[in-house]
Amino acid sequence: MFTCNVLPGIHLRIFEDRDAGPLFAACDANREHLRRFLPWVGHTRSSADCAAFISTVLDQFANNLGFHAGIWSQDQIIGAAGMHPIDWPNSNVSLGYWIAEPWQGKGIITQCVKLLTSHCFATLGLQRVEIRCSTDNRRSQAVPERLGFRYEGTLRAAQKLPNGFTDIRVYSRLRTDES
């Protein structure tokens, strides 16, 4: 299974069935923080919901459509980063990520996205990596901006959140952009 050191004491590890409980605990502990920008949080009500998610993403991995990994500090899950299913015919993928509120601002997500992007280009040979985030989520926007992704535009009212619809900023990076 995929494991990668991110920063000292922090690593990415592909989700396994045994992670449902810790994943739910991390989501539940950060529910108010996460629900402002992530529509799936309201539907994650138990470790069974996380087990179903993990089953889905393990199938995704088994079918060569990318993976989702927990971000771990020692034996504690502090976030997640991964790929929405790879679009092989068009050679592109969209990345998603979140981190527990106490771990924000430490460069962890930026480093995770940098590693995932490199993996998408160097290992998987993809042409395009995309990141989408709410126009209200400045911290999330800063990640692709720091990593040299190009802002492509805004999708109006593209995502429904608990407080209504939000506009989504779209960023991309192409393999030819790699230096």
C-alpha atoms as a PDB file:
ATOM      1  CA  MET A   1       0.000   0.000   0.000  1.00  0.00           C
ATOM      2  CA  PHE A   2       1.040   3.605  -0.607  1.00  0.00           C
ATOM      3  CA  THR A   3       2.898   5.292   2.258  1.00  0.00           C
ATOM      4  CA  CYS A   4       4.952   8.460   1.980  1.00  0.00           C
ATOM      5  CA  ASN A   5       6.743  10.714   4.466  1.00  0.00           C
ATOM      6  CA  VAL A   6       5.512  14.287   4.150  1.00  0.00           C
ATOM      7  CA  LEU A   7       7.364  16.191   6.857  1.00  0.00           C
ATOM      8  CA  PRO A   8       9.163  14.988   9.997  1.00  0.00           C
ATOM      9  CA  GLY A   9       6.590  13.067  12.027  1.00  0.00           C
ATOM     10  CA  ILE A  10       3.896  13.371   9.329  1.00  0.00           C
ATOM     11  CA  HIS A  11       3.091  10.766   6.688  1.00  0.00           C
ATOM     12  CA  LEU A  12       0.482   9.880   4.096  1.00  0.00           C
ATOM     13  CA  ARG A  13      -0.877   6.327   4.095  1.00  0.00           C
ATOM     14  CA  ILE A  14      -3.565   4.970   1.808  1.00  0.00           C
ATOM     15  CA  PHE A  15      -6.742   4.258   3.745  1.00  0.00           C
ATOM     16  CA  GLU A  16      -7.329   0.732   4.982  1.00  0.00           C
ATOM     17  CA  ASP A  17     -10.481  -0.870   6.400  1.00  0.00           C
ATOM     18  CA  ARG A  18      -9.120  -0.498   9.937  1.00  0.00           C
ATOM     19  CA  ASP A  19      -9.073   3.305   9.575  1.00  0.00           C
ATOM     20  CA  ALA A  20     -12.864   3.825   9.649  1.00  0.00           C
ATOM     21  CA  GLY A  21     -13.011   4.556  13.394  1.00  0.00           C
ATOM     22  CA  PRO A  22     -10.058   6.968  13.501  1.00  0.00           C
ATOM     23  CA  LEU A  23     -11.263   8.682  10.317  1.00  0.00           C
ATOM     24  CA  PHE A  24     -14.727   9.224  11.771  1.00  0.00           C
ATOM     25  CA  ALA A  25     -13.237  10.514  15.052  1.00  0.00           C
ATOM     26  CA  ALA A  26     -11.147  13.069  13.119  1.00  0.00           C
ATOM     27  CA  CYS A  27     -14.116  14.144  10.973  1.00  0.00           C
ATOM     28  CA  ASP A  28     -16.433  14.382  13.952  1.00  0.00           C
ATOM     29  CA  ALA A  29     -13.936  16.359  16.051  1.00  0.00           C
ATOM     30  CA  ASN A  30     -13.541  18.843  13.169  1.00  0.00           C
ATOM     31  CA  ARG A  31     -17.149  18.837  11.951  1.00  0.00           C
ATOM     32  CA  GLU A  32     -17.828  22.575  12.340  1.00  0.00           C
ATOM     33  CA  HIS A  33     -14.464  23.489  10.855  1.00  0.00           C
ATOM     34  CA  LEU A  34     -14.931  21.198   7.824  1.00  0.00           C
ATOM     35  CA  ARG A  35     -18.633  21.616   7.063  1.00  0.00           C
ATOM     36  CA  ARG A  36     -18.148  25.249   5.998  1.00  0.00           C
ATOM     37  CA  PHE A  37     -16.451  24.071   2.782  1.00  0.00           C
ATOM     38  CA  LEU A  38     -16.978  20.307   2.331  1.00  0.00           C
ATOM     39  CA  PRO A  39     -20.433  18.990   1.449  1.00  0.00           C
ATOM     40  CA  TRP A  40     -19.703  15.373   2.475  1.00  0.00           C
ATOM     41  CA  VAL A  41     -19.298  16.269   6.152  1.00  0.00           C
ATOM     42  CA  GLY A  42     -23.060  16.421   6.770  1.00  0.00           C
ATOM     43  CA  HIS A  43     -23.442  12.888   5.413  1.00  0.00           C
ATOM     44  CA  THR A  44     -20.642  11.461   7.562  1.00  0.00           C
ATOM     45  CA  ARG A  45     -22.520  10.494  10.723  1.00  0.00           C
ATOM     46  CA  SER A  46     -20.783   7.309  11.880  1.00  0.00           C
ATOM     47  CA  SER A  47     -17.753   5.101  11.437  1.00  0.00           C
ATOM     48  CA  ALA A  48     -19.965   2.958   9.192  1.00  0.00           C
ATOM     49  CA  ASP A  49     -20.162   5.945   6.811  1.00  0.00           C
ATOM     50  CA  CYS A  50     -16.364   6.171   6.880  1.00  0.00           C
ATOM     51  CA  ALA A  51     -16.104   2.401   6.334  1.00  0.00           C
ATOM     52  CA  ALA A  52     -18.313   2.761   3.229  1.00  0.00           C
ATOM     53  CA  PHE A  53     -16.111   5.618   1.983  1.00  0.00           C
ATOM     54  CA  ILE A  54     -12.962   3.563   2.574  1.00  0.00           C
ATOM     55  CA  SER A  55     -14.480   0.600   0.721  1.00  0.00           C
ATOM     56  CA  THR A  56     -15.258   2.870  -2.234  1.00  0.00           C
ATOM     57  CA  VAL A  57     -11.781   4.390  -2.364  1.00  0.00           C
ATOM     58  CA  LEU A  58     -10.107   0.983  -2.003  1.00  0.00           C
ATOM     59  CA  ASP A  59     -12.122  -0.148  -5.046  1.00  0.00           C
ATOM     60  CA  GLN A  60     -10.985   3.044  -6.781  1.00  0.00           C
ATOM     61  CA  PHE A  61      -7.359   2.147  -5.987  1.00  0.00           C
ATOM     62  CA  ALA A  62      -7.814  -1.492  -7.088  1.00  0.00           C
ATOM     63  CA  ASN A  63      -9.237  -0.263 -10.408  1.00  0.00           C
ATOM     64  CA  ASN A  64      -6.229   2.026 -11.037  1.00  0.00           C
ATOM     65  CA  LEU A  65      -8.290   5.184 -10.629  1.00  0.00           C
ATOM     66  CA  GLY A  66      -6.136   6.835  -7.950  1.00  0.00           C
ATOM     67  CA  PHE A  67      -6.156   6.696  -4.165  1.00  0.00           C
ATOM     68  CA  HIS A  68      -7.093   8.520  -0.986  1.00  0.00           C
ATOM     69  CA  ALA A  69      -4.730   8.634   1.953  1.00  0.00           C
ATOM     70  CA  GLY A  70      -4.947   9.640   5.553  1.00  0.00           C
ATOM     71  CA  ILE A  71      -2.524  12.262   6.808  1.00  0.00           C
ATOM     72  CA  TRP A  72      -1.064  10.878   9.999  1.00  0.00           C
ATOM     73  CA  SER A  73       0.913  12.338  12.868  1.00  0.00           C
ATOM     74  CA  GLN A  74       2.272   9.276  14.631  1.00  0.00           C
ATOM     75  CA  ASP A  75      -0.855   7.097  15.008  1.00  0.00           C
ATOM     76  CA  GLN A  76      -3.399   9.953  14.849  1.00  0.00           C
ATOM     77  CA  ILE A  77      -5.206  10.897  11.658  1.00  0.00           C
ATOM     78  CA  ILE A  78      -5.075  14.662  11.173  1.00  0.00           C
ATOM     79  CA  GLY A  79      -6.464  14.959   7.649  1.00  0.00           C
ATOM     80  CA  ALA A  80      -6.749  13.377   4.244  1.00  0.00           C
ATOM     81  CA  ALA A  81      -5.570  13.951   0.698  1.00  0.00           C
ATOM     82  CA  GLY A  82      -6.278  12.086  -2.462  1.00  0.00           C
ATOM     83  CA  MET A  83      -7.541  11.843  -5.984  1.00  0.00           C
ATOM     84  CA  HIS A  84     -11.045  11.890  -7.305  1.00  0.00           C
ATOM     85  CA  PRO A  85     -11.261   9.047  -9.844  1.00  0.00           C
ATOM     86  CA  ILE A  86      -8.690   9.486 -12.606  1.00  0.00           C
ATOM     87  CA  ASP A  87     -10.080  10.291 -16.042  1.00  0.00           C
ATOM     88  CA  TRP A  88      -7.677   8.084 -18.028  1.00  0.00           C
ATOM     89  CA  PRO A  89      -9.098   8.840 -21.502  1.00  0.00           C
ATOM     90  CA  ASN A  90      -8.360  12.548 -20.908  1.00  0.00           C
ATOM     91  CA  SER A  91      -5.268  11.959 -18.734  1.00  0.00           C
ATOM     92  CA  ASN A  92      -6.407  14.151 -15.845  1.00  0.00           C
ATOM     93  CA  VAL A  93      -7.392  14.047 -12.202  1.00  0.00           C
ATOM     94  CA  SER A  94      -8.759  16.343  -9.522  1.00  0.00           C
ATOM     95  CA  LEU A  95      -7.223  16.401  -6.035  1.00  0.00           C
ATOM     96  CA  GLY A  96      -9.014  16.883  -2.736  1.00  0.00           C
ATOM     97  CA  TYR A  97      -7.721  17.507   0.776  1.00  0.00           C
ATOM     98  CA  TRP A  98      -8.601  18.591   4.302  1.00  0.00           C
ATOM     99  CA  ILE A  99      -6.772  18.957   7.590  1.00  0.00           C
ATOM    100  CA  ALA A 100      -7.859  19.212  11.216  1.00  0.00           C
ATOM    101  CA  GLU A 101      -8.081  22.783  12.425  1.00  0.00           C
ATOM    102  CA  PRO A 102      -5.177  22.601  14.947  1.00  0.00           C
ATOM    103  CA  TRP A 103      -2.849  21.452  12.133  1.00  0.00           C
ATOM    104  CA  GLN A 104      -3.619  24.306   9.710  1.00  0.00           C
ATOM    105  CA  GLY A 105      -0.875  26.717   8.711  1.00  0.00           C
ATOM    106  CA  LYS A 106       1.997  24.253   9.138  1.00  0.00           C
ATOM    107  CA  GLY A 107       2.589  23.548   5.427  1.00  0.00           C
ATOM    108  CA  ILE A 108       1.312  19.978   5.693  1.00  0.00           C
ATOM    109  CA  ILE A 109      -1.382  20.216   3.014  1.00  0.00           C
ATOM    110  CA  THR A 110       0.910  22.120   0.658  1.00  0.00           C
ATOM    111  CA  GLN A 111       3.535  19.402   0.985  1.00  0.00           C
ATOM    112  CA  CYS A 112       0.929  16.621   0.535  1.00  0.00           C
ATOM    113  CA  VAL A 113      -0.450  18.250  -2.617  1.00  0.00           C
ATOM    114  CA  LYS A 114       3.075  18.770  -3.941  1.00  0.00           C
ATOM    115  CA  LEU A 115       3.820  15.058  -3.467  1.00  0.00           C
ATOM    116  CA  LEU A 116       0.507  13.970  -4.992  1.00  0.00           C
ATOM    117  CA  THR A 117       0.980  16.261  -7.983  1.00  0.00           C
ATOM    118  CA  SER A 118       4.477  14.923  -8.576  1.00  0.00           C
ATOM    119  CA  HIS A 119       3.136  11.347  -8.323  1.00  0.00           C
ATOM    120  CA  CYS A 120       0.394  12.155 -10.854  1.00  0.00           C
ATOM    121  CA  PHE A 121       2.909  13.437 -13.403  1.00  0.00           C
ATOM    122  CA  ALA A 122       6.036  11.347 -12.790  1.00  0.00           C
ATOM    123  CA  THR A 123       4.513   7.988 -11.837  1.00  0.00           C
ATOM    124  CA  LEU A 124       1.062   7.977 -13.412  1.00  0.00           C
ATOM    125  CA  GLY A 125       2.017  10.019 -16.486  1.00  0.00           C
ATOM    126  CA  LEU A 126      -1.071  12.220 -16.312  1.00  0.00           C
ATOM    127  CA  GLN A 127      -1.305  15.421 -18.340  1.00  0.00           C
ATOM    128  CA  ARG A 128      -3.415  17.573 -16.001  1.00  0.00           C
ATOM    129  CA  VAL A 129      -4.010  17.922 -12.261  1.00  0.00           C
ATOM    130  CA  GLU A 130      -6.875  20.087 -11.057  1.00  0.00           C
ATOM    131  CA  ILE A 131      -7.874  21.567  -7.709  1.00  0.00           C
ATOM    132  CA  ARG A 132     -11.288  23.069  -6.996  1.00  0.00           C
ATOM    133  CA  CYS A 133     -12.134  25.032  -3.865  1.00  0.00           C
ATOM    134  CA  SER A 134     -14.719  27.446  -2.553  1.00  0.00           C
ATOM    135  CA  THR A 135     -14.169  31.134  -3.244  1.00  0.00           C
ATOM    136  CA  ASP A 136     -14.672  31.624   0.494  1.00  0.00           C
ATOM    137  CA  ASN A 137     -11.846  29.225   1.430  1.00  0.00           C
ATOM    138  CA  ARG A 138      -8.726  31.392   1.200  1.00  0.00           C
ATOM    139  CA  ARG A 139      -6.517  28.791   2.935  1.00  0.00           C
ATOM    140  CA  SER A 140      -7.431  26.144   0.387  1.00  0.00           C
ATOM    141  CA  GLN A 141      -6.871  28.537  -2.516  1.00  0.00           C
ATOM    142  CA  ALA A 142      -3.407  29.349  -1.202  1.00  0.00           C
ATOM    143  CA  VAL A 143      -2.277  25.740  -1.712  1.00  0.00           C
ATOM    144  CA  PRO A 144      -2.476  25.614  -5.530  1.00  0.00           C
ATOM    145  CA  GLU A 145      -1.329  29.220  -5.741  1.00  0.00           C
ATOM    146  CA  ARG A 146       1.846  28.386  -3.762  1.00  0.00           C
ATOM    147  CA  LEU A 147       2.479  25.357  -5.962  1.00  0.00           C
ATOM    148  CA  GLY A 148       2.279  27.176  -9.291  1.00  0.00           C
ATOM    149  CA  PHE A 149      -1.152  25.992 -10.373  1.00  0.00           C
ATOM    150  CA  ARG A 150      -2.879  28.326 -12.812  1.00  0.00           C
ATOM    151  CA  TYR A 151      -6.198  29.893 -11.862  1.00  0.00           C
ATOM    152  CA  GLU A 152      -8.601  29.082 -14.692  1.00  0.00           C
ATOM    153  CA  GLY A 153     -11.841  30.646 -13.545  1.00  0.00           C
ATOM    154  CA  THR A 154     -14.785  30.469 -11.206  1.00  0.00           C
ATOM    155  CA  LEU A 155     -17.764  28.145 -11.471  1.00  0.00           C
ATOM    156  CA  ARG A 156     -20.800  30.025 -10.193  1.00  0.00           C
ATOM    157  CA  ALA A 157     -22.981  28.348  -7.528  1.00  0.00           C
ATOM    158  CA  ALA A 158     -21.241  25.041  -8.274  1.00  0.00           C
ATOM    159  CA  GLN A 159     -21.367  23.406  -4.854  1.00  0.00           C
ATOM    160  CA  LYS A 160     -24.125  23.144  -2.275  1.00  0.00           C
ATOM    161  CA  LEU A 161     -23.052  23.632   1.320  1.00  0.00           C
ATOM    162  CA  PRO A 162     -25.175  23.830   4.500  1.00  0.00           C
ATOM    163  CA  ASN A 163     -25.448  27.624   4.191  1.00  0.00           C
ATOM    164  CA  GLY A 164     -26.334  27.606   0.487  1.00  0.00           C
ATOM    165  CA  PHE A 165     -24.457  27.428  -2.783  1.00  0.00           C
ATOM    166  CA  THR A 166     -20.867  28.547  -3.146  1.00  0.00           C
ATOM    167  CA  ASP A 167     -18.800  29.537  -6.149  1.00  0.00           C
ATOM    168  CA  ILE A 168     -15.807  27.305  -6.891  1.00  0.00           C
ATOM    169  CA  ARG A 169     -12.374  28.436  -8.059  1.00  0.00           C
ATOM    170  CA  VAL A 170     -10.666  26.077 -10.514  1.00  0.00           C
ATOM    171  CA  TYR A 171      -6.880  25.709 -10.628  1.00  0.00           C
ATOM    172  CA  SER A 172      -4.814  23.432 -12.866  1.00  0.00           C
ATOM    173  CA  ARG A 173      -1.294  22.356 -13.468  1.00  0.00           C
ATOM    174  CA  LEU A 174      -0.094  20.579 -16.598  1.00  0.00           C
ATOM    175  CA  ARG A 175       2.748  18.107 -16.869  1.00  0.00           C
ATOM    176  CA  THR A 176       4.413  20.595 -19.234  1.00  0.00           C
ATOM    177  CA  ASP A 177       4.294  23.180 -16.412  1.00  0.00           C
ATOM    178  CA  GLU A 178       6.630  20.984 -14.334  1.00  0.00           C
ATOM    179  CA  SER A 179      10.077  22.487 -13.941  1.00  0.00           C
END
